[in-house]
Amino acid sequence: LLDAGHFALEDQLDTVAGYARGFLGRVL
């Protein structure tokens, strides 16, 4: 849960991308 609103990617892109990369690295 980020300190963000509905479109979290708009101001938290680097954070979201980091979580996605880490998750995909672990899962795949």
PDB file of all heavy atoms in Angstrom:
ATOM      1  N   LEU A   1       0.853  -1.179   0.000  1.00  0.00           N
ATOM      2  CA  LEU A   1       0.000   0.000   0.000  1.00  0.00           C
ATOM      3  C   LEU A   1       0.892   1.233   0.000  1.00  0.00           C
ATOM      4  O   LEU A   1       1.670   1.444   0.931  1.00  0.00           O
ATOM      5  CB  LEU A   1      -0.917   0.002   1.221  1.00  0.00           C
ATOM      6  CG  LEU A   1      -1.902  -1.172   1.300  1.00  0.00           C
ATOM      7  CD1 LEU A   1      -2.680  -1.129   2.603  1.00  0.00           C
ATOM      8  CD2 LEU A   1      -2.840  -1.176   0.109  1.00  0.00           C
ATOM      9  N   LEU A   2       0.787   2.006  -1.065  1.00  0.00           N
ATOM     10  CA  LEU A   2       1.624   3.188  -1.236  1.00  0.00           C
ATOM     11  C   LEU A   2       0.893   4.444  -0.794  1.00  0.00           C
ATOM     12  O   LEU A   2      -0.336   4.491  -0.793  1.00  0.00           O
ATOM     13  CB  LEU A   2       2.017   3.335  -2.709  1.00  0.00           C
ATOM     14  CG  LEU A   2       2.667   2.133  -3.380  1.00  0.00           C
ATOM     15  CD1 LEU A   2       2.991   2.465  -4.825  1.00  0.00           C
ATOM     16  CD2 LEU A   2       3.906   1.703  -2.626  1.00  0.00           C
ATOM     17  N   ASP A   3       1.654   5.475  -0.464  1.00  0.00           N
ATOM     18  CA  ASP A   3       1.075   6.777  -0.169  1.00  0.00           C
ATOM     19  C   ASP A   3       0.694   7.413  -1.506  1.00  0.00           C
ATOM     20  O   ASP A   3       1.397   8.268  -2.046  1.00  0.00           O
ATOM     21  CB  ASP A   3       2.081   7.643   0.591  1.00  0.00           C
ATOM     22  CG  ASP A   3       1.468   8.939   1.094  1.00  0.00           C
ATOM     23  OD1 ASP A   3       0.221   9.065   1.070  1.00  0.00           O
ATOM     24  OD2 ASP A   3       2.223   9.824   1.514  1.00  0.00           O
ATOM     25  N   ALA A   4      -0.411   6.939  -2.066  1.00  0.00           N
ATOM     26  CA  ALA A   4      -0.835   7.329  -3.412  1.00  0.00           C
ATOM     27  C   ALA A   4      -2.350   7.248  -3.484  1.00  0.00           C
ATOM     28  O   ALA A   4      -3.008   6.717  -2.591  1.00  0.00           O
ATOM     29  CB  ALA A   4      -0.205   6.401  -4.456  1.00  0.00           C
ATOM     30  N   GLY A   5      -2.880   7.764  -4.586  1.00  0.00           N
ATOM     31  CA  GLY A   5      -4.307   7.722  -4.834  1.00  0.00           C
ATOM     32  C   GLY A   5      -4.657   6.625  -5.831  1.00  0.00           C
ATOM     33  O   GLY A   5      -4.002   5.581  -5.898  1.00  0.00           O
ATOM     34  N   HIS A   6      -5.686   6.892  -6.651  1.00  0.00           N
ATOM     35  CA  HIS A   6      -6.224   5.893  -7.564  1.00  0.00           C
ATOM     36  C   HIS A   6      -5.232   5.508  -8.661  1.00  0.00           C
ATOM     37  O   HIS A   6      -5.096   4.328  -8.981  1.00  0.00           O
ATOM     38  CB  HIS A   6      -7.520   6.418  -8.188  1.00  0.00           C
ATOM     39  CG  HIS A   6      -8.206   5.434  -9.065  1.00  0.00           C
ATOM     40  ND1 HIS A   6      -8.670   4.223  -8.590  1.00  0.00           N
ATOM     41  CD2 HIS A   6      -8.517   5.473 -10.382  1.00  0.00           C
ATOM     42  CE1 HIS A   6      -9.237   3.562  -9.590  1.00  0.00           C
ATOM     43  NE2 HIS A   6      -9.155   4.296 -10.684  1.00  0.00           N
ATOM     44  N   PHE A   7      -4.550   6.480  -9.229  1.00  0.00           N
ATOM     45  CA  PHE A   7      -3.585   6.199 -10.291  1.00  0.00           C
ATOM     46  C   PHE A   7      -2.174   6.242  -9.708  1.00  0.00           C
ATOM     47  O   PHE A   7      -1.388   7.155  -9.968  1.00  0.00           O
ATOM     48  CB  PHE A   7      -3.738   7.198 -11.449  1.00  0.00           C
ATOM     49  CG  PHE A   7      -5.016   7.029 -12.219  1.00  0.00           C
ATOM     50  CD1 PHE A   7      -5.986   8.010 -12.218  1.00  0.00           C
ATOM     51  CD2 PHE A   7      -5.246   5.885 -12.965  1.00  0.00           C
ATOM     52  CE1 PHE A   7      -7.162   7.856 -12.939  1.00  0.00           C
ATOM     53  CE2 PHE A   7      -6.417   5.721 -13.689  1.00  0.00           C
ATOM     54  CZ  PHE A   7      -7.385   6.708 -13.671  1.00  0.00           C
ATOM     55  N   ALA A   8      -1.844   5.236  -8.925  1.00  0.00           N
ATOM     56  CA  ALA A   8      -0.554   5.203  -8.212  1.00  0.00           C
ATOM     57  C   ALA A   8       0.639   5.282  -9.159  1.00  0.00           C
ATOM     58  O   ALA A   8       1.680   5.834  -8.801  1.00  0.00           O
ATOM     59  CB  ALA A   8      -0.471   3.941  -7.360  1.00  0.00           C
ATOM     60  N   LEU A   9       0.498   4.761 -10.360  1.00  0.00           N
ATOM     61  CA  LEU A   9       1.610   4.811 -11.314  1.00  0.00           C
ATOM     62  C   LEU A   9       2.005   6.233 -11.676  1.00  0.00           C
ATOM     63  O   LEU A   9       3.157   6.485 -12.022  1.00  0.00           O
ATOM     64  CB  LEU A   9       1.250   4.072 -12.604  1.00  0.00           C
ATOM     65  CG  LEU A   9       1.297   2.556 -12.557  1.00  0.00           C
ATOM     66  CD1 LEU A   9       0.740   1.984 -13.849  1.00  0.00           C
ATOM     67  CD2 LEU A   9       2.693   2.065 -12.304  1.00  0.00           C
ATOM     68  N   GLU A  10       1.070   7.154 -11.601  1.00  0.00           N
ATOM     69  CA  GLU A  10       1.342   8.524 -12.039  1.00  0.00           C
ATOM     70  C   GLU A  10       2.383   9.225 -11.180  1.00  0.00           C
ATOM     71  O   GLU A  10       3.125  10.053 -11.667  1.00  0.00           O
ATOM     72  CB  GLU A  10       0.057   9.344 -12.085  1.00  0.00           C
ATOM     73  CG  GLU A  10      -0.939   8.876 -13.111  1.00  0.00           C
ATOM     74  CD  GLU A  10      -0.414   8.934 -14.542  1.00  0.00           C
ATOM     75  OE1 GLU A  10       0.384   9.821 -14.865  1.00  0.00           O
ATOM     76  OE2 GLU A  10      -0.815   8.076 -15.341  1.00  0.00           O
ATOM     77  N   ASP A  11       2.423   8.914  -9.870  1.00  0.00           N
ATOM     78  CA  ASP A  11       3.435   9.564  -9.042  1.00  0.00           C
ATOM     79  C   ASP A  11       4.358   8.584  -8.332  1.00  0.00           C
ATOM     80  O   ASP A  11       5.278   8.998  -7.637  1.00  0.00           O
ATOM     81  CB  ASP A  11       2.799  10.536  -8.044  1.00  0.00           C
ATOM     82  CG  ASP A  11       2.081   9.857  -6.902  1.00  0.00           C
ATOM     83  OD1 ASP A  11       1.472   8.805  -7.138  1.00  0.00           O
ATOM     84  OD2 ASP A  11       2.109  10.382  -5.790  1.00  0.00           O
ATOM     85  N   GLN A  12       4.133   7.296  -8.521  1.00  0.00           N
ATOM     86  CA  GLN A  12       4.945   6.284  -7.843  1.00  0.00           C
ATOM     87  C   GLN A  12       5.478   5.238  -8.831  1.00  0.00           C
ATOM     88  O   GLN A  12       5.677   4.076  -8.474  1.00  0.00           O
ATOM     89  CB  GLN A  12       4.095   5.574  -6.778  1.00  0.00           C
ATOM     90  CG  GLN A  12       3.533   6.482  -5.725  1.00  0.00           C
ATOM     91  CD  GLN A  12       4.518   6.779  -4.624  1.00  0.00           C
ATOM     92  OE1 GLN A  12       5.466   6.036  -4.420  1.00  0.00           O
ATOM     93  NE2 GLN A  12       4.303   7.858  -3.922  1.00  0.00           N
ATOM     94  N   LEU A  13       5.706   5.642 -10.066  1.00  0.00           N
ATOM     95  CA  LEU A  13       6.102   4.702 -11.117  1.00  0.00           C
ATOM     96  C   LEU A  13       7.335   3.888 -10.733  1.00  0.00           C
ATOM     97  O   LEU A  13       7.346   2.661 -10.866  1.00  0.00           O
ATOM     98  CB  LEU A  13       6.350   5.432 -12.433  1.00  0.00           C
ATOM     99  CG  LEU A  13       6.859   4.565 -13.593  1.00  0.00           C
ATOM    100  CD1 LEU A  13       5.845   3.492 -13.947  1.00  0.00           C
ATOM    101  CD2 LEU A  13       7.177   5.421 -14.800  1.00  0.00           C
ATOM    102  N   ASP A  14       8.373   4.534 -10.249  1.00  0.00           N
ATOM    103  CA  ASP A  14       9.606   3.806  -9.924  1.00  0.00           C
ATOM    104  C   ASP A  14       9.369   2.783  -8.815  1.00  0.00           C
ATOM    105  O   ASP A  14       9.892   1.666  -8.870  1.00  0.00           O
ATOM    106  CB  ASP A  14      10.717   4.773  -9.526  1.00  0.00           C
ATOM    107  CG  ASP A  14      11.193   5.626 -10.692  1.00  0.00           C
ATOM    108  OD1 ASP A  14      10.954   5.252 -11.859  1.00  0.00           O
ATOM    109  OD2 ASP A  14      11.795   6.689 -10.431  1.00  0.00           O
ATOM    110  N   THR A  15       8.584   3.144  -7.830  1.00  0.00           N
ATOM    111  CA  THR A  15       8.282   2.225  -6.728  1.00  0.00           C
ATOM    112  C   THR A  15       7.485   1.029  -7.233  1.00  0.00           C
ATOM    113  O   THR A  15       7.805  -0.126  -6.924  1.00  0.00           O
ATOM    114  CB  THR A  15       7.514   2.961  -5.619  1.00  0.00           C
ATOM    115  OG1 THR A  15       8.320   4.045  -5.159  1.00  0.00           O
ATOM    116  CG2 THR A  15       7.180   2.042  -4.471  1.00  0.00           C
ATOM    117  N   VAL A  16       6.444   1.294  -8.009  1.00  0.00           N
ATOM    118  CA  VAL A  16       5.607   0.211  -8.538  1.00  0.00           C
ATOM    119  C   VAL A  16       6.440  -0.701  -9.437  1.00  0.00           C
ATOM    120  O   VAL A  16       6.372  -1.928  -9.328  1.00  0.00           O
ATOM    121  CB  VAL A  16       4.385   0.770  -9.303  1.00  0.00           C
ATOM    122  CG1 VAL A  16       3.595  -0.359  -9.961  1.00  0.00           C
ATOM    123  CG2 VAL A  16       3.491   1.581  -8.375  1.00  0.00           C
ATOM    124  N   ALA A  17       7.252  -0.109 -10.303  1.00  0.00           N
ATOM    125  CA  ALA A  17       8.096  -0.911 -11.201  1.00  0.00           C
ATOM    126  C   ALA A  17       9.071  -1.762 -10.403  1.00  0.00           C
ATOM    127  O   ALA A  17       9.316  -2.930 -10.746  1.00  0.00           O
ATOM    128  CB  ALA A  17       8.849  -0.002 -12.167  1.00  0.00           C
ATOM    129  N   GLY A  18       9.615  -1.227  -9.329  1.00  0.00           N
ATOM    130  CA  GLY A  18      10.527  -1.994  -8.489  1.00  0.00           C
ATOM    131  C   GLY A  18       9.840  -3.197  -7.865  1.00  0.00           C
ATOM    132  O   GLY A  18      10.398  -4.307  -7.855  1.00  0.00           O
ATOM    133  N   TYR A  19       8.627  -2.998  -7.347  1.00  0.00           N
ATOM    134  CA  TYR A  19       7.880  -4.132  -6.790  1.00  0.00           C
ATOM    135  C   TYR A  19       7.570  -5.161  -7.875  1.00  0.00           C
ATOM    136  O   TYR A  19       7.675  -6.369  -7.648  1.00  0.00           O
ATOM    137  CB  TYR A  19       6.582  -3.665  -6.132  1.00  0.00           C
ATOM    138  CG  TYR A  19       6.774  -3.016  -4.789  1.00  0.00           C
ATOM    139  CD1 TYR A  19       6.191  -1.797  -4.498  1.00  0.00           C
ATOM    140  CD2 TYR A  19       7.530  -3.634  -3.791  1.00  0.00           C
ATOM    141  CE1 TYR A  19       6.360  -1.191  -3.265  1.00  0.00           C
ATOM    142  CE2 TYR A  19       7.699  -3.042  -2.546  1.00  0.00           C
ATOM    143  CZ  TYR A  19       7.109  -1.827  -2.293  1.00  0.00           C
ATOM    144  OH  TYR A  19       7.276  -1.235  -1.069  1.00  0.00           O
ATOM    145  N   ALA A  20       7.177  -4.698  -9.059  1.00  0.00           N
ATOM    146  CA  ALA A  20       6.845  -5.618 -10.152  1.00  0.00           C
ATOM    147  C   ALA A  20       8.073  -6.412 -10.589  1.00  0.00           C
ATOM    148  O   ALA A  20       7.998  -7.631 -10.784  1.00  0.00           O
ATOM    149  CB  ALA A  20       6.251  -4.852 -11.332  1.00  0.00           C
ATOM    150  N   ARG A  21       9.200  -5.749 -10.731  1.00  0.00           N
ATOM    151  CA  ARG A  21      10.429  -6.459 -11.131  1.00  0.00           C
ATOM    152  C   ARG A  21      10.830  -7.499 -10.091  1.00  0.00           C
ATOM    153  O   ARG A  21      11.176  -8.633 -10.434  1.00  0.00           O
ATOM    154  CB  ARG A  21      11.570  -5.466 -11.336  1.00  0.00           C
ATOM    155  CG  ARG A  21      11.485  -4.706 -12.619  1.00  0.00           C
ATOM    156  CD  ARG A  21      12.749  -3.861 -12.836  1.00  0.00           C
ATOM    157  NE  ARG A  21      12.551  -2.989 -13.956  1.00  0.00           N
ATOM    158  CZ  ARG A  21      12.370  -1.670 -13.863  1.00  0.00           C
ATOM    159  NH1 ARG A  21      12.418  -1.062 -12.700  1.00  0.00           N
ATOM    160  NH2 ARG A  21      12.189  -0.949 -14.960  1.00  0.00           N
ATOM    161  N   GLY A  22      10.796  -7.112  -8.835  1.00  0.00           N
ATOM    162  CA  GLY A  22      11.143  -8.046  -7.767  1.00  0.00           C
ATOM    163  C   GLY A  22      10.208  -9.247  -7.738  1.00  0.00           C
ATOM    164  O   GLY A  22      10.652 -10.398  -7.641  1.00  0.00           O
ATOM    165  N   PHE A  23       8.922  -8.986  -7.848  1.00  0.00           N
ATOM    166  CA  PHE A  23       7.920 -10.052  -7.833  1.00  0.00           C
ATOM    167  C   PHE A  23       8.136 -11.002  -9.018  1.00  0.00           C
ATOM    168  O   PHE A  23       8.183 -12.218  -8.833  1.00  0.00           O
ATOM    169  CB  PHE A  23       6.512  -9.423  -7.888  1.00  0.00           C
ATOM    170  CG  PHE A  23       5.397 -10.420  -7.957  1.00  0.00           C
ATOM    171  CD1 PHE A  23       4.958 -11.074  -6.822  1.00  0.00           C
ATOM    172  CD2 PHE A  23       4.777 -10.695  -9.168  1.00  0.00           C
ATOM    173  CE1 PHE A  23       3.920 -11.988  -6.879  1.00  0.00           C
ATOM    174  CE2 PHE A  23       3.732 -11.604  -9.245  1.00  0.00           C
ATOM    175  CZ  PHE A  23       3.303 -12.245  -8.092  1.00  0.00           C
ATOM    176  N   LEU A  24       8.272 -10.453 -10.206  1.00  0.00           N
ATOM    177  CA  LEU A  24       8.466 -11.302 -11.390  1.00  0.00           C
ATOM    178  C   LEU A  24       9.775 -12.072 -11.295  1.00  0.00           C
ATOM    179  O   LEU A  24       9.836 -13.233 -11.712  1.00  0.00           O
ATOM    180  CB  LEU A  24       8.408 -10.460 -12.670  1.00  0.00           C
ATOM    181  CG  LEU A  24       7.034  -9.889 -12.992  1.00  0.00           C
ATOM    182  CD1 LEU A  24       7.118  -8.902 -14.142  1.00  0.00           C
ATOM    183  CD2 LEU A  24       6.035 -10.995 -13.278  1.00  0.00           C
ATOM    184  N   GLY A  25      10.808 -11.452 -10.753  1.00  0.00           N
ATOM    185  CA  GLY A  25      12.078 -12.165 -10.579  1.00  0.00           C
ATOM    186  C   GLY A  25      11.930 -13.356  -9.654  1.00  0.00           C
ATOM    187  O   GLY A  25      12.480 -14.433  -9.905  1.00  0.00           O
ATOM    188  N   ARG A  26      11.166 -13.197  -8.571  1.00  0.00           N
ATOM    189  CA  ARG A  26      10.946 -14.307  -7.634  1.00  0.00           C
ATOM    190  C   ARG A  26      10.028 -15.373  -8.215  1.00  0.00           C
ATOM    191  O   ARG A  26      10.256 -16.566  -8.050  1.00  0.00           O
ATOM    192  CB  ARG A  26      10.372 -13.780  -6.319  1.00  0.00           C
ATOM    193  CG  ARG A  26      11.383 -13.021  -5.478  1.00  0.00           C
ATOM    194  CD  ARG A  26      10.829 -12.643  -4.113  1.00  0.00           C
ATOM    195  NE  ARG A  26       9.666 -11.757  -4.175  1.00  0.00           N
ATOM    196  CZ  ARG A  26       9.717 -10.456  -4.438  1.00  0.00           C
ATOM    197  NH1 ARG A  26      10.880  -9.868  -4.690  1.00  0.00           N
ATOM    198  NH2 ARG A  26       8.617  -9.729  -4.442  1.00  0.00           N
ATOM    199  N   VAL A  27       8.969 -14.946  -8.892  1.00  0.00           N
ATOM    200  CA  VAL A  27       7.967 -15.882  -9.395  1.00  0.00           C
ATOM    201  C   VAL A  27       8.436 -16.611 -10.652  1.00  0.00           C
ATOM    202  O   VAL A  27       8.200 -17.818 -10.803  1.00  0.00           O
ATOM    203  CB  VAL A  27       6.624 -15.157  -9.639  1.00  0.00           C
ATOM    204  CG1 VAL A  27       5.641 -16.033 -10.367  1.00  0.00           C
ATOM    205  CG2 VAL A  27       6.038 -14.675  -8.320  1.00  0.00           C
ATOM    206  N   LEU A  28       9.095 -15.890 -11.527  1.00  0.00           N
ATOM    207  CA  LEU A  28       9.516 -16.481 -12.800  1.00  0.00           C
ATOM    208  C   LEU A  28      10.964 -16.970 -12.767  1.00  0.00           C
ATOM    209  O   LEU A  28      11.378 -17.711 -13.651  1.00  0.00           O
ATOM    210  CB  LEU A  28       9.351 -15.469 -13.942  1.00  0.00           C
ATOM    211  CG  LEU A  28       7.926 -14.957 -14.163  1.00  0.00           C
ATOM    212  CD1 LEU A  28       7.925 -13.903 -15.257  1.00  0.00           C
ATOM    213  CD2 LEU A  28       6.988 -16.086 -14.462  1.00  0.00           C
TER     214      LEU A  28
END
